[in-house]
N, C-alpha and C. Protein backbone atom coordinates (compact mmCIF):
# COMPACT_ATOMS: atom_id res chain seq x y z
N MET A 1 7.04 -15.79 -10.28
CA MET A 1 6.73 -15.15 -11.79
C MET A 1 8.08 -15.24 -12.66
N ARG A 2 8.42 -15.29 -13.53
CA ARG A 2 9.32 -14.85 -14.60
C ARG A 2 8.61 -14.20 -16.08
N VAL A 3 9.37 -13.06 -16.49
CA VAL A 3 8.84 -12.56 -17.35
C VAL A 3 10.20 -12.06 -18.44
N LEU A 4 9.83 -12.13 -19.70
CA LEU A 4 11.15 -12.06 -20.57
C LEU A 4 10.03 -10.89 -21.37
N PHE A 5 11.20 -9.79 -21.55
CA PHE A 5 11.13 -8.96 -22.35
C PHE A 5 11.70 -9.32 -23.74
N VAL A 6 11.42 -8.89 -24.97
CA VAL A 6 12.08 -9.71 -26.21
C VAL A 6 11.43 -8.20 -27.47
N CYS A 7 12.88 -7.88 -28.17
CA CYS A 7 12.61 -7.46 -29.29
C CYS A 7 13.89 -7.78 -30.38
N LEU A 8 13.82 -7.43 -31.52
CA LEU A 8 14.62 -7.98 -32.55
C LEU A 8 16.18 -7.94 -32.24
N GLY A 9 16.80 -7.28 -31.84
CA GLY A 9 18.18 -7.62 -31.48
C GLY A 9 18.81 -7.37 -30.43
N ASN A 10 17.96 -7.10 -29.21
CA ASN A 10 17.99 -7.22 -27.81
C ASN A 10 19.13 -6.28 -27.51
N ILE A 11 19.24 -5.01 -28.09
CA ILE A 11 20.05 -4.32 -27.64
C ILE A 11 19.51 -2.40 -27.79
N CYS A 12 17.81 -2.52 -27.53
CA CYS A 12 17.19 -1.28 -27.88
C CYS A 12 16.31 -1.36 -26.89
N ARG A 13 15.19 -2.02 -27.21
CA ARG A 13 13.76 -1.66 -26.56
C ARG A 13 14.03 -2.85 -25.52
N SER A 14 14.19 -4.21 -25.59
CA SER A 14 13.86 -5.32 -24.50
C SER A 14 15.14 -5.27 -23.22
N PRO A 15 16.25 -4.27 -23.69
CA PRO A 15 17.15 -4.22 -22.41
C PRO A 15 16.55 -3.06 -21.62
N SER A 16 15.91 -2.03 -22.44
CA SER A 16 15.83 -1.00 -22.01
C SER A 16 14.20 -1.28 -20.86
N ALA A 17 13.36 -2.28 -21.48
CA ALA A 17 12.26 -2.96 -20.59
C ALA A 17 12.65 -3.42 -19.77
N GLN A 18 13.72 -4.14 -19.69
CA GLN A 18 14.00 -5.09 -18.18
C GLN A 18 14.77 -4.13 -17.43
N GLY A 19 15.42 -3.41 -17.69
CA GLY A 19 15.68 -1.92 -16.65
C GLY A 19 14.84 -1.40 -16.07
N VAL A 20 14.00 -0.73 -17.06
CA VAL A 20 12.84 0.29 -16.77
C VAL A 20 12.07 -1.05 -15.59
N PHE A 21 11.73 -2.08 -15.97
CA PHE A 21 10.87 -2.58 -14.53
C PHE A 21 11.58 -3.35 -13.62
N GLU A 22 13.06 -3.17 -14.04
CA GLU A 22 13.73 -3.84 -12.97
C GLU A 22 13.81 -3.15 -11.82
N LYS A 23 13.52 -1.85 -12.03
CA LYS A 23 13.84 -0.55 -11.01
C LYS A 23 12.53 0.08 -10.98
N LEU A 24 11.35 -0.23 -11.18
CA LEU A 24 10.13 -0.49 -10.99
C LEU A 24 9.93 -1.46 -9.96
N LEU A 25 10.11 -2.38 -10.10
CA LEU A 25 10.35 -3.79 -9.26
C LEU A 25 10.82 -3.31 -8.16
N ALA A 26 12.09 -2.71 -7.60
CA ALA A 26 12.58 -2.79 -6.62
C ALA A 26 12.21 -1.68 -5.58
N SER A 27 11.22 -1.43 -5.93
CA SER A 27 10.46 -0.20 -4.97
C SER A 27 9.12 -0.63 -4.93
N SER A 28 8.52 -2.24 -5.22
CA SER A 28 7.46 -2.67 -5.26
C SER A 28 7.50 -4.09 -4.26
N GLU A 29 6.61 -4.23 -3.89
CA GLU A 29 6.09 -5.36 -3.11
C GLU A 29 6.48 -6.61 -3.60
N LEU A 30 6.62 -6.71 -4.83
CA LEU A 30 6.81 -8.09 -5.66
C LEU A 30 8.37 -7.99 -5.80
N GLY A 31 9.33 -7.16 -5.55
CA GLY A 31 10.61 -7.32 -6.11
C GLY A 31 11.15 -8.46 -5.90
N SER A 32 11.22 -9.56 -5.03
CA SER A 32 11.49 -10.85 -5.19
C SER A 32 10.94 -12.04 -5.11
N ASP A 33 9.56 -11.45 -5.96
CA ASP A 33 8.93 -12.62 -6.45
C ASP A 33 8.90 -12.73 -7.90
N VAL A 34 9.45 -11.47 -8.69
CA VAL A 34 9.65 -11.85 -9.49
C VAL A 34 11.04 -11.59 -10.42
N ALA A 35 11.13 -12.30 -11.58
CA ALA A 35 12.84 -12.39 -12.12
C ALA A 35 12.47 -11.64 -13.07
N VAL A 36 13.68 -11.04 -13.96
CA VAL A 36 13.15 -10.55 -15.43
C VAL A 36 14.66 -10.87 -16.03
N ASP A 37 14.15 -10.49 -17.25
CA ASP A 37 15.30 -11.18 -18.59
C ASP A 37 14.79 -10.39 -19.72
N SER A 38 15.91 -10.14 -20.79
CA SER A 38 15.39 -10.09 -22.01
C SER A 38 16.61 -10.81 -23.27
N ALA A 39 15.68 -10.76 -24.34
CA ALA A 39 16.52 -11.69 -25.22
C ALA A 39 16.08 -10.90 -26.72
N GLY A 40 16.26 -11.45 -27.48
CA GLY A 40 16.17 -10.77 -29.23
C GLY A 40 15.71 -12.05 -29.92
N THR A 41 14.59 -12.17 -31.36
CA THR A 41 14.61 -13.01 -31.65
C THR A 41 15.49 -13.39 -32.69
N ALA A 42 16.32 -12.49 -32.81
CA ALA A 42 17.58 -12.33 -33.90
C ALA A 42 18.93 -12.41 -33.20
N ASP A 43 19.94 -13.64 -33.67
CA ASP A 43 21.06 -13.42 -32.89
C ASP A 43 22.27 -12.17 -33.35
N TYR A 44 21.58 -10.99 -34.00
CA TYR A 44 22.82 -10.13 -34.43
C TYR A 44 23.67 -9.52 -33.45
N HIS A 45 23.13 -9.59 -32.60
CA HIS A 45 23.94 -8.64 -31.08
C HIS A 45 24.22 -9.57 -30.40
N VAL A 46 24.52 -10.97 -30.30
CA VAL A 46 24.97 -11.73 -29.17
C VAL A 46 25.98 -11.34 -28.47
N GLY A 47 26.00 -11.20 -27.23
CA GLY A 47 27.28 -10.94 -26.06
C GLY A 47 27.45 -9.41 -26.43
N LYS A 48 27.09 -8.71 -26.87
CA LYS A 48 27.43 -7.09 -27.02
C LYS A 48 26.16 -6.73 -26.02
N PRO A 49 26.53 -5.26 -25.62
CA PRO A 49 26.30 -4.34 -24.89
C PRO A 49 24.82 -3.97 -25.60
N PRO A 50 23.60 -2.90 -24.93
CA PRO A 50 22.99 -2.33 -25.52
C PRO A 50 23.49 -0.88 -26.36
N ASP A 51 23.16 -0.67 -26.95
CA ASP A 51 23.36 0.59 -27.59
C ASP A 51 23.42 1.68 -26.54
N ARG A 52 24.19 2.34 -27.25
CA ARG A 52 25.16 3.40 -26.27
C ARG A 52 23.90 4.40 -26.12
N ARG A 53 23.23 4.32 -26.94
CA ARG A 53 21.79 5.85 -26.93
C ARG A 53 21.13 4.90 -26.31
N ALA A 54 20.65 3.83 -26.45
CA ALA A 54 19.64 3.40 -25.17
C ALA A 54 20.11 3.17 -23.67
N ILE A 55 21.39 2.94 -23.68
CA ILE A 55 22.17 3.29 -22.17
C ILE A 55 22.28 4.43 -21.43
N ALA A 56 22.60 5.35 -22.44
CA ALA A 56 22.52 6.87 -21.99
C ALA A 56 21.31 7.27 -21.78
N ALA A 57 20.46 6.69 -22.44
CA ALA A 57 19.02 7.63 -22.19
C ALA A 57 18.43 7.01 -20.75
N ALA A 58 18.33 5.66 -20.74
CA ALA A 58 18.19 4.89 -19.63
C ALA A 58 18.95 5.50 -18.28
N SER A 59 20.48 5.69 -18.60
CA SER A 59 20.88 6.46 -17.23
C SER A 59 20.48 7.80 -16.67
N ARG A 60 19.77 8.26 -17.86
CA ARG A 60 19.51 9.89 -17.42
C ARG A 60 17.93 9.48 -16.58
N ARG A 61 17.51 8.61 -16.27
CA ARG A 61 16.39 8.27 -15.64
C ARG A 61 16.21 7.44 -14.18
N GLY A 62 18.05 6.95 -14.61
CA GLY A 62 18.52 6.71 -13.02
C GLY A 62 18.30 4.91 -13.56
N VAL A 63 18.04 4.40 -14.55
CA VAL A 63 18.38 3.01 -14.96
C VAL A 63 19.43 2.78 -15.38
N ASP A 64 20.50 1.58 -15.25
CA ASP A 64 21.36 0.86 -15.31
C ASP A 64 21.20 0.10 -16.28
N ILE A 65 21.64 0.03 -17.46
CA ILE A 65 21.63 -0.94 -18.64
C ILE A 65 23.07 -1.33 -19.22
N SER A 66 24.00 -1.02 -18.52
CA SER A 66 25.39 -0.97 -19.17
C SER A 66 25.70 -2.26 -18.68
N THR A 67 25.13 -3.29 -18.09
CA THR A 67 25.97 -4.35 -17.88
C THR A 67 24.94 -5.27 -18.49
N LEU A 68 24.12 -5.23 -19.30
CA LEU A 68 23.40 -6.21 -19.89
C LEU A 68 24.11 -6.46 -21.01
N SER A 69 23.76 -8.09 -21.50
CA SER A 69 24.46 -8.42 -22.54
C SER A 69 23.27 -9.12 -23.45
N ALA A 70 23.30 -8.81 -24.72
CA ALA A 70 22.46 -9.46 -25.86
C ALA A 70 22.27 -10.56 -25.81
N ARG A 71 21.25 -11.48 -25.55
CA ARG A 71 21.31 -12.64 -26.04
C ARG A 71 20.30 -12.98 -26.90
N ALA A 72 20.08 -14.23 -27.91
CA ALA A 72 18.74 -14.76 -28.48
C ALA A 72 17.76 -15.31 -28.02
N VAL A 73 16.62 -15.61 -28.30
CA VAL A 73 15.32 -16.48 -27.39
C VAL A 73 15.98 -17.85 -28.09
N ALA A 74 15.98 -18.29 -26.83
CA ALA A 74 16.27 -19.91 -26.61
C ALA A 74 14.78 -20.55 -26.20
N ASP A 75 14.93 -21.65 -27.16
CA ASP A 75 13.86 -23.01 -27.01
C ASP A 75 13.72 -22.89 -25.32
N SER A 76 14.80 -23.06 -24.38
CA SER A 76 14.30 -23.26 -22.79
C SER A 76 13.30 -22.26 -22.70
N ASP A 77 13.35 -20.97 -23.06
CA ASP A 77 12.79 -19.70 -22.75
C ASP A 77 11.43 -20.15 -22.32
N PHE A 78 10.71 -20.51 -23.62
CA PHE A 78 9.53 -20.89 -23.42
C PHE A 78 8.73 -21.47 -22.17
N ALA A 79 9.78 -22.93 -21.61
CA ALA A 79 9.10 -23.42 -20.59
C ALA A 79 9.61 -22.57 -19.27
N GLU A 80 10.92 -21.68 -19.26
CA GLU A 80 11.20 -20.97 -17.89
C GLU A 80 10.49 -19.70 -17.72
N PHE A 81 10.20 -19.17 -18.71
CA PHE A 81 9.34 -18.06 -18.25
C PHE A 81 7.95 -18.25 -17.92
N ASP A 82 6.97 -17.39 -17.44
CA ASP A 82 5.87 -17.44 -17.54
C ASP A 82 5.00 -16.80 -18.52
N LEU A 83 5.59 -15.33 -18.47
CA LEU A 83 5.04 -14.20 -19.47
C LEU A 83 6.31 -13.73 -20.48
N ILE A 84 5.91 -14.10 -21.71
CA ILE A 84 6.77 -13.60 -23.08
C ILE A 84 6.19 -12.28 -23.64
N LEU A 85 6.59 -10.93 -23.50
CA LEU A 85 6.28 -9.84 -23.88
C LEU A 85 7.18 -9.66 -25.30
N ALA A 86 6.51 -9.12 -26.26
CA ALA A 86 6.87 -8.80 -27.73
C ALA A 86 6.85 -6.87 -27.57
N ALA A 87 7.70 -6.68 -28.54
CA ALA A 87 8.07 -5.40 -28.63
C ALA A 87 6.70 -4.61 -29.64
N ASP A 88 6.83 -5.65 -30.75
CA ASP A 88 6.02 -5.40 -31.96
C ASP A 88 5.11 -6.93 -32.05
N HIS A 89 4.35 -6.29 -33.29
CA HIS A 89 3.66 -7.65 -33.83
C HIS A 89 4.62 -8.43 -34.75
N SER A 90 5.64 -8.04 -35.07
CA SER A 90 6.38 -8.88 -36.23
C SER A 90 7.31 -9.78 -34.79
N ASN A 91 7.70 -9.51 -33.97
CA ASN A 91 8.26 -10.13 -32.70
C ASN A 91 7.48 -11.04 -32.23
N LEU A 92 6.47 -10.51 -32.16
CA LEU A 92 5.22 -11.49 -31.30
C LEU A 92 4.96 -12.90 -32.11
N GLN A 93 4.91 -12.56 -33.58
CA GLN A 93 4.68 -13.68 -34.75
C GLN A 93 5.60 -14.33 -34.54
N GLU A 94 6.76 -13.71 -34.41
CA GLU A 94 8.37 -14.94 -34.33
C GLU A 94 8.10 -16.02 -33.29
N LEU A 95 7.43 -15.29 -32.08
CA LEU A 95 7.52 -16.01 -30.68
C LEU A 95 6.46 -16.86 -30.92
N LEU A 96 5.34 -16.87 -31.46
CA LEU A 96 4.44 -17.50 -31.62
C LEU A 96 4.64 -18.89 -32.56
N ARG A 97 5.37 -18.16 -33.48
CA ARG A 97 5.53 -19.43 -34.75
C ARG A 97 6.66 -20.05 -33.54
N ARG A 98 7.61 -19.89 -33.19
CA ARG A 98 8.62 -20.81 -32.44
C ARG A 98 8.17 -21.35 -31.06
N ALA A 99 7.02 -21.16 -30.40
CA ALA A 99 6.46 -21.53 -29.40
C ALA A 99 5.95 -23.29 -29.30
N PRO A 100 6.41 -23.82 -28.55
CA PRO A 100 6.18 -25.13 -28.65
C PRO A 100 4.48 -25.22 -28.49
N ALA A 101 3.73 -26.45 -28.94
CA ALA A 101 2.63 -26.70 -28.62
C ALA A 101 2.00 -26.74 -27.24
N ASP A 102 3.06 -27.14 -26.32
CA ASP A 102 2.27 -27.35 -25.25
C ASP A 102 3.31 -26.16 -24.30
N CYS A 103 3.30 -25.42 -24.85
CA CYS A 103 3.80 -23.97 -24.11
C CYS A 103 3.01 -23.29 -23.01
N ALA A 104 3.48 -23.36 -21.89
CA ALA A 104 2.73 -22.93 -21.13
C ALA A 104 3.04 -21.16 -20.56
N ALA A 105 4.05 -20.53 -21.21
CA ALA A 105 4.07 -19.20 -20.74
C ALA A 105 2.90 -18.27 -21.64
N LYS A 106 2.57 -17.26 -21.38
CA LYS A 106 1.78 -16.37 -22.10
C LYS A 106 2.80 -15.47 -22.68
N ILE A 107 2.60 -15.30 -23.97
CA ILE A 107 3.45 -14.66 -24.59
C ILE A 107 1.97 -13.43 -25.64
N ARG A 108 2.43 -12.09 -25.03
CA ARG A 108 1.82 -11.02 -25.54
C ARG A 108 2.56 -9.77 -25.92
N LEU A 109 1.65 -8.50 -26.62
CA LEU A 109 2.58 -7.66 -26.34
C LEU A 109 2.71 -6.84 -25.21
N PHE A 110 3.81 -6.28 -25.05
CA PHE A 110 4.29 -5.50 -23.96
C PHE A 110 3.43 -4.66 -23.85
N MET A 111 3.17 -3.48 -25.06
CA MET A 111 2.15 -2.64 -25.08
C MET A 111 0.82 -3.06 -24.47
N SER A 112 0.13 -4.14 -24.55
CA SER A 112 -1.02 -4.26 -23.94
C SER A 112 -0.96 -4.00 -22.81
N TYR A 113 0.13 -3.59 -21.86
CA TYR A 113 -0.23 -3.13 -20.53
C TYR A 113 -0.59 -1.69 -20.19
N ALA A 114 -0.08 -1.20 -21.23
CA ALA A 114 -0.48 0.39 -22.04
C ALA A 114 -1.48 0.58 -22.78
N PRO A 115 -2.63 0.50 -23.04
CA PRO A 115 -3.51 0.31 -24.26
C PRO A 115 -3.30 1.84 -24.80
N ASN A 116 -3.90 2.98 -23.98
CA ASN A 116 -3.57 3.84 -24.61
C ASN A 116 -2.67 4.43 -25.27
N ASP A 117 -1.30 3.89 -25.48
CA ASP A 117 -0.36 4.28 -26.08
C ASP A 117 -0.19 3.43 -27.48
N GLY A 118 -0.99 2.78 -27.91
CA GLY A 118 -0.65 1.48 -29.05
C GLY A 118 -0.34 0.49 -28.84
N GLU A 119 0.22 -0.28 -29.81
CA GLU A 119 0.13 -1.94 -29.46
C GLU A 119 1.86 -2.10 -29.90
N GLU A 120 2.54 -0.71 -30.17
CA GLU A 120 3.95 -1.66 -30.64
C GLU A 120 4.96 -0.55 -30.13
N ILE A 121 6.06 -0.79 -29.44
CA ILE A 121 7.11 -0.13 -29.42
C ILE A 121 8.05 0.24 -30.70
N PRO A 122 8.14 1.19 -31.18
CA PRO A 122 8.54 1.57 -32.28
C PRO A 122 10.27 1.25 -31.84
N ASP A 123 11.02 0.53 -33.16
CA ASP A 123 12.87 0.40 -32.77
C ASP A 123 12.95 2.09 -33.57
N PRO A 124 14.04 2.19 -32.02
CA PRO A 124 14.65 3.86 -32.30
C PRO A 124 15.75 3.90 -32.44
N TYR A 125 16.38 2.11 -33.14
CA TYR A 125 17.78 2.34 -33.72
C TYR A 125 18.34 2.93 -34.97
N TYR A 126 17.29 3.20 -35.69
CA TYR A 126 17.91 4.02 -36.79
C TYR A 126 17.00 5.49 -37.01
N GLY A 127 16.57 5.84 -35.74
CA GLY A 127 16.64 7.33 -35.34
C GLY A 127 17.58 8.07 -34.54
N GLY A 128 16.96 8.81 -33.95
CA GLY A 128 18.08 9.54 -33.32
C GLY A 128 17.86 9.61 -31.60
N ASP A 129 18.38 10.00 -31.09
CA ASP A 129 18.54 10.21 -29.27
C ASP A 129 16.98 10.42 -28.88
N GLN A 130 16.14 11.31 -29.49
CA GLN A 130 14.71 11.14 -29.19
C GLN A 130 14.08 10.31 -29.28
N GLY A 131 14.29 8.99 -30.25
CA GLY A 131 13.32 8.04 -30.34
C GLY A 131 13.69 7.09 -29.23
N PHE A 132 14.92 7.23 -28.25
CA PHE A 132 14.88 6.25 -27.17
C PHE A 132 14.20 6.97 -25.94
N GLU A 133 14.27 8.37 -25.97
CA GLU A 133 13.41 9.04 -24.96
C GLU A 133 12.35 8.45 -24.92
N GLY A 134 11.46 8.84 -26.01
CA GLY A 134 9.68 8.28 -26.70
C GLY A 134 9.71 6.82 -26.10
N VAL A 135 10.73 5.84 -26.37
CA VAL A 135 10.81 4.51 -26.27
C VAL A 135 10.54 4.63 -24.57
N LEU A 136 11.43 4.93 -23.63
CA LEU A 136 11.36 4.74 -22.35
C LEU A 136 10.23 5.39 -21.69
N ASP A 137 9.53 6.30 -22.36
CA ASP A 137 8.29 7.06 -21.68
C ASP A 137 7.31 5.86 -21.98
N MET A 138 7.13 5.10 -23.01
CA MET A 138 6.16 4.18 -23.27
C MET A 138 6.60 2.73 -22.30
N LEU A 139 8.12 2.73 -22.27
CA LEU A 139 8.09 1.28 -21.24
C LEU A 139 7.31 1.77 -19.86
N GLU A 140 7.66 3.25 -19.75
CA GLU A 140 7.32 3.19 -18.27
C GLU A 140 6.26 2.96 -17.53
N ARG A 141 5.47 3.73 -18.82
CA ARG A 141 3.73 3.50 -18.75
C ARG A 141 3.58 1.72 -19.04
N ALA A 142 3.84 1.15 -19.56
CA ALA A 142 3.34 -0.21 -19.78
C ALA A 142 3.88 -0.94 -18.70
N SER A 143 5.37 -0.23 -18.19
CA SER A 143 5.82 -1.29 -16.87
C SER A 143 4.70 -1.01 -15.57
N GLN A 144 4.47 -0.27 -15.52
CA GLN A 144 2.96 0.40 -14.39
C GLN A 144 1.87 -0.48 -14.83
N GLY A 145 1.60 -0.28 -15.91
CA GLY A 145 0.86 -1.47 -16.11
C GLY A 145 0.69 -2.78 -15.34
N LEU A 146 1.85 -3.36 -16.11
CA LEU A 146 2.52 -4.80 -15.78
C LEU A 146 2.24 -4.76 -14.32
N LEU A 147 3.05 -4.34 -13.59
CA LEU A 147 3.25 -4.42 -12.28
C LEU A 147 2.13 -4.34 -11.64
N ALA A 148 1.06 -3.64 -12.24
CA ALA A 148 -0.52 -3.31 -11.16
C ALA A 148 -1.20 -4.96 -11.70
N SER A 149 -0.80 -5.69 -12.84
CA SER A 149 -1.45 -6.48 -13.27
C SER A 149 -0.75 -7.79 -12.51
N LEU A 150 0.41 -7.72 -12.29
CA LEU A 150 1.02 -8.90 -11.64
C LEU A 150 0.57 -8.53 -10.10
N GLY A 151 0.27 -7.43 -9.39
CA GLY A 151 0.05 -7.46 -8.00
C GLY A 151 -1.28 -7.89 -8.04
N GLU A 152 -2.24 -7.59 -8.72
CA GLU A 152 -3.74 -8.23 -8.97
C GLU A 152 -3.33 -9.35 -8.77
N TYR A 153 -2.51 -10.32 -9.38
CA TYR A 153 -2.47 -11.89 -10.11
C TYR A 153 -1.78 -12.32 -8.43
N SER A 154 -0.76 -11.90 -7.79
CA SER A 154 -0.24 -12.21 -6.89
C SER A 154 -1.39 -11.96 -5.87
N SER A 155 -2.28 -11.31 -5.35
CA SER A 155 -3.42 -10.75 -4.64
C SER A 155 -4.38 -12.18 -4.94
N ALA A 156 -4.50 -12.53 -5.86
CA ALA A 156 -5.34 -13.38 -6.26
C ALA A 156 -4.61 -14.84 -5.77
N THR A 157 -3.91 -15.08 -6.19
CA THR A 157 -3.05 -16.15 -6.03
C THR A 157 -2.94 -16.61 -4.22
N THR A 158 -2.54 -15.10 -3.60
CA THR A 158 -2.35 -15.60 -2.14
C THR A 158 -3.81 -15.37 -1.19
N ALA A 159 -4.90 -15.19 -2.17
CA ALA A 159 -6.12 -15.35 -1.48
C ALA A 159 -6.99 -16.30 -1.44
N SER A 160 -6.14 -17.40 -2.54
CA SER A 160 -6.98 -18.82 -2.84
C SER A 160 -6.32 -19.87 -2.42
């Protein structure tokens, strides 16, 4: 299983989602069965590290995203990933617009895995440090829901 997290510039929400989910995966039985990456629908920050505030907030939770580098969604991502998870409706619509007609990847909102938190992950870029903390809270809950969903998928696949 390959999962891609997507936001606009790939310096706040999606690298944080990648780091949070990778940490959760590492302590699960699915750790070696799931590959994770992140990207942005825009190419504003390609090659740059995550926002310093995102790095600091993640670090306080034991998540290291400092080595990640922003990249833009590539056409090949629609074939290489099984699940593409958007941070918000705007990025979801862009992904759906760019997806080829024969796209096998499931493209949806990441917060669909934590439905009690709303549908979108707010962009903390123009706010203060607290915005990054709030985003991490949401990402942790959605990551737990995603992991549970992948566990159910894995169990169903193994049983058949």
